[in-house]
């Protein structure tokens, strides 16, 4: 009897998952496509802004870095060993 309950539970879970996926998958796909479209539109607008600058115009874009991401480099002396 336990085997039949297990098989019934698996089949029930399968059909419930299939039904729920059919309801929510189009919504998830639409939101994914809209997000990708916004990203592509932003990239296109940035490219257009770069092309519309006048000759000789200087644009400085600054990025703020946290102290955790800053890496200090050191010069290291080394000798050639033969």
PDB file of N, CA and C in Angstrom:
ATOM      1  N   UNK A   1       0.821  -1.190   0.000  1.00  0.00           N
ATOM      2  CA  UNK A   1       0.000   0.000   0.000  1.00  0.00           C
ATOM      3  C   UNK A   1       0.871   1.263   0.000  1.00  0.00           C
ATOM      4  N   UNK A   2       2.018   1.185   0.673  1.00  0.00           N
ATOM      5  CA  UNK A   2       2.924   2.327   0.718  1.00  0.00           C
ATOM      6  C   UNK A   2       3.493   2.652  -0.647  1.00  0.00           C
ATOM      7  N   UNK A   3       3.723   1.624  -1.473  1.00  0.00           N
ATOM      8  CA  UNK A   3       4.256   1.835  -2.816  1.00  0.00           C
ATOM      9  C   UNK A   3       3.251   2.580  -3.676  1.00  0.00           C
ATOM     10  N   UNK A   4       1.971   2.214  -3.555  1.00  0.00           N
ATOM     11  CA  UNK A   4       0.927   2.897  -4.333  1.00  0.00           C
ATOM     12  C   UNK A   4       0.792   4.361  -3.919  1.00  0.00           C
ATOM     13  N   UNK A   5       0.899   4.642  -2.627  1.00  0.00           N
ATOM     14  CA  UNK A   5       0.832   6.026  -2.150  1.00  0.00           C
ATOM     15  C   UNK A   5       2.009   6.835  -2.688  1.00  0.00           C
ATOM     16  N   UNK A   6       3.192   6.237  -2.722  1.00  0.00           N
ATOM     17  CA  UNK A   6       4.384   6.916  -3.231  1.00  0.00           C
ATOM     18  C   UNK A   6       4.238   7.216  -4.714  1.00  0.00           C
ATOM     19  N   UNK A   7       3.796   6.229  -5.474  1.00  0.00           N
ATOM     20  CA  UNK A   7       3.603   6.432  -6.922  1.00  0.00           C
ATOM     21  C   UNK A   7       2.532   7.484  -7.161  1.00  0.00           C
ATOM     22  N   UNK A   8       1.425   7.416  -6.406  1.00  0.00           N
ATOM     23  CA  UNK A   8       0.362   8.411  -6.549  1.00  0.00           C
ATOM     24  C   UNK A   8       0.877   9.809  -6.205  1.00  0.00           C
ATOM     25  N   UNK A   9       1.695   9.917  -5.155  1.00  0.00           N
ATOM     26  CA  UNK A   9       2.259  11.221  -4.781  1.00  0.00           C
ATOM     27  C   UNK A   9       3.175  11.783  -5.852  1.00  0.00           C
ATOM     28  N   UNK A  10       3.984  10.910  -6.440  1.00  0.00           N
ATOM     29  CA  UNK A  10       4.889  11.360  -7.510  1.00  0.00           C
ATOM     30  C   UNK A  10       4.099  11.834  -8.723  1.00  0.00           C
ATOM     31  N   UNK A  11       3.091  11.075  -9.114  1.00  0.00           N
ATOM     32  CA  UNK A  11       2.265  11.451 -10.270  1.00  0.00           C
ATOM     33  C   UNK A  11       1.517  12.743  -9.985  1.00  0.00           C
ATOM     34  N   UNK A  12       0.972  12.875  -8.779  1.00  0.00           N
ATOM     35  CA  UNK A  12       0.264  14.098  -8.401  1.00  0.00           C
ATOM     36  C   UNK A  12       1.204  15.299  -8.424  1.00  0.00           C
ATOM     37  N   UNK A  13       2.401  15.140  -7.876  1.00  0.00           N
ATOM     38  CA  UNK A  13       3.388  16.220  -7.891  1.00  0.00           C
ATOM     39  C   UNK A  13       3.756  16.608  -9.321  1.00  0.00           C
ATOM     40  N   UNK A  14       3.927  15.615 -10.193  1.00  0.00           N
ATOM     41  CA  UNK A  14       4.292  15.870 -11.587  1.00  0.00           C
ATOM     42  C   UNK A  14       3.237  16.715 -12.277  1.00  0.00           C
ATOM     43  N   UNK A  15       1.961  16.324 -12.161  1.00  0.00           N
ATOM     44  CA  UNK A  15       0.904  17.068 -12.834  1.00  0.00           C
ATOM     45  C   UNK A  15       0.675  18.440 -12.207  1.00  0.00           C
ATOM     46  N   UNK A  16       0.843  18.552 -10.887  1.00  0.00           N
ATOM     47  CA  UNK A  16       0.697  19.857 -10.236  1.00  0.00           C
ATOM     48  C   UNK A  16       1.815  20.795 -10.685  1.00  0.00           C
ATOM     49  N   UNK A  17       3.042  20.281 -10.758  1.00  0.00           N
ATOM     50  CA  UNK A  17       4.169  21.094 -11.217  1.00  0.00           C
ATOM     51  C   UNK A  17       3.965  21.525 -12.670  1.00  0.00           C
ATOM     52  N   UNK A  18       3.493  20.616 -13.492  1.00  0.00           N
ATOM     53  CA  UNK A  18       3.243  20.915 -14.901  1.00  0.00           C
ATOM     54  C   UNK A  18       2.176  22.009 -15.038  1.00  0.00           C
ATOM     55  N   UNK A  19       1.123  21.933 -14.237  1.00  0.00           N
ATOM     56  CA  UNK A  19       0.043  22.921 -14.286  1.00  0.00           C
ATOM     57  C   UNK A  19       0.538  24.290 -13.827  1.00  0.00           C
ATOM     58  N   UNK A  20       1.267  24.315 -12.715  1.00  0.00           N
ATOM     59  CA  UNK A  20       1.768  25.582 -12.180  1.00  0.00           C
ATOM     60  C   UNK A  20       2.802  26.198 -13.128  1.00  0.00           C
ATOM     61  N   UNK A  21       3.648  25.364 -13.711  1.00  0.00           N
ATOM     62  CA  UNK A  21       4.646  25.872 -14.657  1.00  0.00           C
ATOM     63  C   UNK A  21       3.973  26.490 -15.874  1.00  0.00           C
ATOM     64  N   UNK A  22       2.877  25.902 -16.324  1.00  0.00           N
ATOM     65  CA  UNK A  22       2.147  26.440 -17.465  1.00  0.00           C
ATOM     66  C   UNK A  22       1.553  27.807 -17.156  1.00  0.00           C
ATOM     67  N   UNK A  23       1.210  28.051 -15.905  1.00  0.00           N
ATOM     68  CA  UNK A  23       0.658  29.349 -15.521  1.00  0.00           C
ATOM     69  C   UNK A  23       1.739  30.409 -15.364  1.00  0.00           C
ATOM     70  N   UNK A  24       2.868  30.056 -14.722  1.00  0.00           N
ATOM     71  CA  UNK A  24       3.871  31.049 -14.363  1.00  0.00           C
ATOM     72  C   UNK A  24       5.019  31.191 -15.360  1.00  0.00           C
ATOM     73  N   UNK A  25       5.277  30.202 -16.193  1.00  0.00           N
ATOM     74  CA  UNK A  25       6.393  30.286 -17.131  1.00  0.00           C
ATOM     75  C   UNK A  25       6.254  31.460 -18.101  1.00  0.00           C
ATOM     76  N   UNK A  26       5.068  31.710 -18.693  1.00  0.00           N
ATOM     77  CA  UNK A  26       4.962  32.886 -19.581  1.00  0.00           C
ATOM     78  C   UNK A  26       5.262  34.201 -18.864  1.00  0.00           C
ATOM     79  N   UNK A  27       4.839  34.324 -17.609  1.00  0.00           N
ATOM     80  CA  UNK A  27       5.128  35.541 -16.846  1.00  0.00           C
ATOM     81  C   UNK A  27       6.627  35.704 -16.619  1.00  0.00           C
ATOM     82  N   UNK A  28       7.298  34.624 -16.229  1.00  0.00           N
ATOM     83  CA  UNK A  28       8.744  34.681 -16.002  1.00  0.00           C
ATOM     84  C   UNK A  28       9.491  34.976 -17.291  1.00  0.00           C
ATOM     85  N   UNK A  29       9.066  34.365 -18.379  1.00  0.00           N
ATOM     86  CA  UNK A  29       9.712  34.598 -19.671  1.00  0.00           C
ATOM     87  C   UNK A  29       9.534  36.040 -20.117  1.00  0.00           C
ATOM     88  N   UNK A  30       8.340  36.580 -19.921  1.00  0.00           N
ATOM     89  CA  UNK A  30       8.076  37.965 -20.313  1.00  0.00           C
ATOM     90  C   UNK A  30       8.928  38.935 -19.501  1.00  0.00           C
ATOM     91  N   UNK A  31       9.055  38.697 -18.196  1.00  0.00           N
ATOM     92  CA  UNK A  31       9.865  39.591 -17.372  1.00  0.00           C
ATOM     93  C   UNK A  31      11.342  39.484 -17.747  1.00  0.00           C
ATOM     94  N   UNK A  32      11.818  38.283 -18.070  1.00  0.00           N
ATOM     95  CA  UNK A  32      13.204  38.099 -18.499  1.00  0.00           C
ATOM     96  C   UNK A  32      13.470  38.840 -19.808  1.00  0.00           C
ATOM     97  N   UNK A  33      12.558  38.737 -20.764  1.00  0.00           N
ATOM     98  CA  UNK A  33      12.719  39.404 -22.056  1.00  0.00           C
ATOM     99  C   UNK A  33      12.678  40.919 -21.882  1.00  0.00           C
ATOM    100  N   UNK A  34      11.777  41.422 -21.031  1.00  0.00           N
ATOM    101  CA  UNK A  34      11.695  42.869 -20.800  1.00  0.00           C
ATOM    102  C   UNK A  34      12.978  43.400 -20.161  1.00  0.00           C
ATOM    103  N   UNK A  35      13.540  42.651 -19.235  1.00  0.00           N
ATOM    104  CA  UNK A  35      14.787  43.074 -18.594  1.00  0.00           C
ATOM    105  C   UNK A  35      15.925  43.113 -19.605  1.00  0.00           C
ATOM    106  N   UNK A  36      16.020  42.093 -20.453  1.00  0.00           N
ATOM    107  CA  UNK A  36      17.059  42.065 -21.484  1.00  0.00           C
ATOM    108  C   UNK A  36      16.868  43.218 -22.463  1.00  0.00           C
ATOM    109  N   UNK A  37      15.622  43.512 -22.795  1.00  0.00           N
ATOM    110  CA  UNK A  37      15.341  44.607 -23.726  1.00  0.00           C
ATOM    111  C   UNK A  37      15.747  45.951 -23.125  1.00  0.00           C
ATOM    112  N   UNK A  38      15.467  46.152 -21.830  1.00  0.00           N
ATOM    113  CA  UNK A  38      15.883  47.404 -21.183  1.00  0.00           C
ATOM    114  C   UNK A  38      17.396  47.539 -21.166  1.00  0.00           C
ATOM    115  N   UNK A  39      18.106  46.442 -20.886  1.00  0.00           N
ATOM    116  CA  UNK A  39      19.565  46.488 -20.883  1.00  0.00           C
ATOM    117  C   UNK A  39      20.111  46.833 -22.261  1.00  0.00           C
ATOM    118  N   UNK A  40      19.552  46.230 -23.293  1.00  0.00           N
ATOM    119  CA  UNK A  40      20.006  46.522 -24.659  1.00  0.00           C
ATOM    120  C   UNK A  40      19.705  47.978 -25.028  1.00  0.00           C
ATOM    121  N   UNK A  41      18.543  48.486 -24.614  1.00  0.00           N
ATOM    122  CA  UNK A  41      18.187  49.874 -24.903  1.00  0.00           C
ATOM    123  C   UNK A  41      19.142  50.828 -24.189  1.00  0.00           C
ATOM    124  N   UNK A  42      19.498  50.521 -22.953  1.00  0.00           N
ATOM    125  CA  UNK A  42      20.449  51.362 -22.213  1.00  0.00           C
ATOM    126  C   UNK A  42      21.816  51.373 -22.894  1.00  0.00           C
ATOM    127  N   UNK A  43      22.281  50.219 -23.335  1.00  0.00           N
ATOM    128  CA  UNK A  43      23.560  50.150 -24.032  1.00  0.00           C
ATOM    129  C   UNK A  43      23.518  50.942 -25.328  1.00  0.00           C
ATOM    130  N   UNK A  44      22.412  50.854 -26.049  1.00  0.00           N
ATOM    131  CA  UNK A  44      22.269  51.604 -27.297  1.00  0.00           C
ATOM    132  C   UNK A  44      22.292  53.101 -27.028  1.00  0.00           C
ATOM    133  N   UNK A  45      21.587  53.520 -25.984  1.00  0.00           N
ATOM    134  CA  UNK A  45      21.558  54.949 -25.645  1.00  0.00           C
ATOM    135  C   UNK A  45      22.942  55.452 -25.237  1.00  0.00           C
ATOM    136  N   UNK A  46      23.707  54.635 -24.515  1.00  0.00           N
ATOM    137  CA  UNK A  46      25.057  55.028 -24.142  1.00  0.00           C
ATOM    138  C   UNK A  46      25.938  55.183 -25.374  1.00  0.00           C
ATOM    139  N   UNK A  47      25.799  54.275 -26.330  1.00  0.00           N
ATOM    140  CA  UNK A  47      26.584  54.373 -27.564  1.00  0.00           C
ATOM    141  C   UNK A  47      26.202  55.633 -28.344  1.00  0.00           C
ATOM    142  N   UNK A  48      24.923  55.957 -28.382  1.00  0.00           N
ATOM    143  CA  UNK A  48      24.476  57.152 -29.091  1.00  0.00           C
ATOM    144  C   UNK A  48      25.012  58.411 -28.417  1.00  0.00           C
ATOM    145  N   UNK A  49      25.028  58.418 -27.084  1.00  0.00           N
ATOM    146  CA  UNK A  49      25.544  59.575 -26.359  1.00  0.00           C
ATOM    147  C   UNK A  49      27.033  59.769 -26.630  1.00  0.00           C
ATOM    148  N   UNK A  50      27.779  58.680 -26.738  1.00  0.00           N
ATOM    149  CA  UNK A  50      29.207  58.787 -27.027  1.00  0.00           C
ATOM    150  C   UNK A  50      29.436  59.325 -28.429  1.00  0.00           C
ATOM    151  N   UNK A  51      28.603  58.953 -29.371  1.00  0.00           N
ATOM    152  CA  UNK A  51      28.786  59.390 -30.762  1.00  0.00           C
ATOM    153  C   UNK A  51      28.338  60.827 -30.965  1.00  0.00           C
ATOM    154  N   UNK A  52      27.455  61.340 -30.132  1.00  0.00           N
ATOM    155  CA  UNK A  52      26.918  62.687 -30.302  1.00  0.00           C
ATOM    156  C   UNK A  52      27.783  63.768 -29.664  1.00  0.00           C
ATOM    157  N   UNK A  53      28.901  63.416 -29.068  1.00  0.00           N
ATOM    158  CA  UNK A  53      29.770  64.416 -28.458  1.00  0.00           C
ATOM    159  C   UNK A  53      30.498  65.211 -29.534  1.00  0.00           C
ATOM    160  N   UNK A  54      30.725  66.473 -29.211  1.00  0.00           N
ATOM    161  CA  UNK A  54      31.459  67.333 -30.130  1.00  0.00           C
ATOM    162  C   UNK A  54      32.940  67.013 -30.054  1.00  0.00           C
ATOM    163  N   UNK A  55      33.664  67.330 -31.115  1.00  0.00           N
ATOM    164  CA  UNK A  55      35.097  67.070 -31.148  1.00  0.00           C
ATOM    165  C   UNK A  55      35.791  67.931 -30.112  1.00  0.00           C
ATOM    166  N   UNK A  56      36.684  67.334 -29.348  1.00  0.00           N
ATOM    167  CA  UNK A  56      37.421  68.046 -28.323  1.00  0.00           C
ATOM    168  C   UNK A  56      36.715  68.093 -26.981  1.00  0.00           C
ATOM    169  N   UNK A  57      35.473  67.637 -26.924  1.00  0.00           N
ATOM    170  CA  UNK A  57      34.736  67.633 -25.669  1.00  0.00           C
ATOM    171  C   UNK A  57      35.261  66.499 -24.789  1.00  0.00           C
ATOM    172  N   UNK A  58      35.468  66.796 -23.541  1.00  0.00           N
ATOM    173  CA  UNK A  58      36.009  65.809 -22.611  1.00  0.00           C
ATOM    174  C   UNK A  58      34.912  65.402 -21.644  1.00  0.00           C
ATOM    175  N   UNK A  59      34.788  64.103 -21.465  1.00  0.00           N
ATOM    176  CA  UNK A  59      33.801  63.574 -20.529  1.00  0.00           C
ATOM    177  C   UNK A  59      34.518  62.620 -19.583  1.00  0.00           C
ATOM    178  N   UNK A  60      34.441  62.906 -18.284  1.00  0.00           N
ATOM    179  CA  UNK A  60      35.103  62.075 -17.294  1.00  0.00           C
ATOM    180  C   UNK A  60      34.038  61.299 -16.531  1.00  0.00           C
ATOM    181  N   UNK A  61      34.170  60.003 -16.561  1.00  0.00           N
ATOM    182  CA  UNK A  61      33.234  59.137 -15.860  1.00  0.00           C
ATOM    183  C   UNK A  61      33.985  58.524 -14.684  1.00  0.00           C
ATOM    184  N   UNK A  62      33.537  58.815 -13.481  1.00  0.00           N
ATOM    185  CA  UNK A  62      34.252  58.320 -12.315  1.00  0.00           C
ATOM    186  C   UNK A  62      33.512  57.138 -11.720  1.00  0.00           C
ATOM    187  N   UNK A  63      34.298  56.193 -11.243  1.00  0.00           N
ATOM    188  CA  UNK A  63      33.735  55.035 -10.563  1.00  0.00           C
ATOM    189  C   UNK A  63      34.242  55.062  -9.134  1.00  0.00           C
ATOM    190  N   UNK A  64      33.349  54.848  -8.200  1.00  0.00           N
ATOM    191  CA  UNK A  64      33.749  54.815  -6.797  1.00  0.00           C
ATOM    192  C   UNK A  64      34.027  53.369  -6.424  1.00  0.00           C
ATOM    193  N   UNK A  65      35.162  53.156  -5.806  1.00  0.00           N
ATOM    194  CA  UNK A  65      35.523  51.816  -5.368  1.00  0.00           C
ATOM    195  C   UNK A  65      35.585  51.793  -3.862  1.00  0.00           C
ATOM    196  N   UNK A  66      35.089  50.731  -3.299  1.00  0.00           N
ATOM    197  CA  UNK A  66      35.176  50.601  -1.850  1.00  0.00           C
ATOM    198  C   UNK A  66      36.596  50.192  -1.475  1.00  0.00           C
ATOM    199  N   UNK A  67      36.947  50.404  -0.247  1.00  0.00           N
ATOM    200  CA  UNK A  67      38.306  50.093   0.184  1.00  0.00           C
ATOM    201  C   UNK A  67      38.563  48.593   0.156  1.00  0.00           C
ATOM    202  N   UNK A  68      37.526  47.779   0.198  1.00  0.00           N
ATOM    203  CA  UNK A  68      37.704  46.328   0.177  1.00  0.00           C
ATOM    204  C   UNK A  68      38.167  45.850  -1.204  1.00  0.00           C
ATOM    205  N   UNK A  69      37.829  46.591  -2.246  1.00  0.00           N
ATOM    206  CA  UNK A  69      38.176  46.176  -3.598  1.00  0.00           C
ATOM    207  C   UNK A  69      39.488  46.768  -4.099  1.00  0.00           C
ATOM    208  N   UNK A  70      40.073  47.672  -3.351  1.00  0.00           N
ATOM    209  CA  UNK A  70      41.309  48.282  -3.798  1.00  0.00           C
ATOM    210  C   UNK A  70      42.481  47.367  -3.467  1.00  0.00           C
ATOM    211  N   UNK A  71      43.347  47.198  -4.436  1.00  0.00           N
ATOM    212  CA  UNK A  71      44.509  46.340  -4.261  1.00  0.00           C
ATOM    213  C   UNK A  71      45.755  47.198  -4.443  1.00  0.00           C
ATOM    214  N   UNK A  72      46.651  47.101  -3.493  1.00  0.00           N
ATOM    215  CA  UNK A  72      47.887  47.859  -3.610  1.00  0.00           C
ATOM    216  C   UNK A  72      48.952  46.939  -4.187  1.00  0.00           C
ATOM    217  N   UNK A  73      49.632  47.409  -5.216  1.00  0.00           N
ATOM    218  CA  UNK A  73      50.669  46.609  -5.870  1.00  0.00           C
ATOM    219  C   UNK A  73      52.031  47.083  -5.389  1.00  0.00           C
ATOM    220  N   UNK A  74      52.959  46.157  -5.297  1.00  0.00           N
ATOM    221  CA  UNK A  74      54.321  46.475  -4.900  1.00  0.00           C
ATOM    222  C   UNK A  74      55.262  46.069  -6.020  1.00  0.00           C
ATOM    223  N   UNK A  75      56.338  46.822  -6.174  1.00  0.00           N
ATOM    224  CA  UNK A  75      57.382  46.416  -7.105  1.00  0.00           C
ATOM    225  C   UNK A  75      58.269  45.405  -6.392  1.00  0.00           C
ATOM    226  N   UNK A  76      58.522  44.303  -7.045  1.00  0.00           N
ATOM    227  CA  UNK A  76      59.330  43.247  -6.438  1.00  0.00           C
ATOM    228  C   UNK A  76      60.598  43.088  -7.265  1.00  0.00           C
ATOM    229  N   UNK A  77      61.753  43.182  -6.584  1.00  0.00           N
ATOM    230  CA  UNK A  77      63.029  42.950  -7.259  1.00  0.00           C
ATOM    231  C   UNK A  77      63.256  41.451  -7.363  1.00  0.00           C
ATOM    232  N   UNK A  78      63.814  41.032  -8.486  1.00  0.00           N
ATOM    233  CA  UNK A  78      64.116  39.626  -8.629  1.00  0.00           C
ATOM    234  C   UNK A  78      65.417  39.475  -9.390  1.00  0.00           C
ATOM    235  N   UNK A  79      66.023  38.326  -9.227  1.00  0.00           N
ATOM    236  CA  UNK A  79      67.266  38.038  -9.914  1.00  0.00           C
ATOM    237  C   UNK A  79      67.060  36.848 -10.824  1.00  0.00           C
ATOM    238  N   UNK A  80      67.768  36.851 -11.941  1.00  0.00           N
ATOM    239  CA  UNK A  80      67.722  35.728 -12.853  1.00  0.00           C
ATOM    240  C   UNK A  80      68.581  34.603 -12.288  1.00  0.00           C
ATOM    241  N   UNK A  81      68.025  33.445 -12.132  1.00  0.00           N
ATOM    242  CA  UNK A  81      68.761  32.284 -11.610  1.00  0.00           C
ATOM    243  C   UNK A  81      68.952  31.316 -12.758  1.00  0.00           C
ATOM    244  N   UNK A  82      70.226  30.966 -12.998  1.00  0.00           N
ATOM    245  CA  UNK A  82      70.518  30.017 -14.090  1.00  0.00           C
ATOM    246  C   UNK A  82      70.806  28.648 -13.555  1.00  0.00           C
TER     247      UNK A  82
END
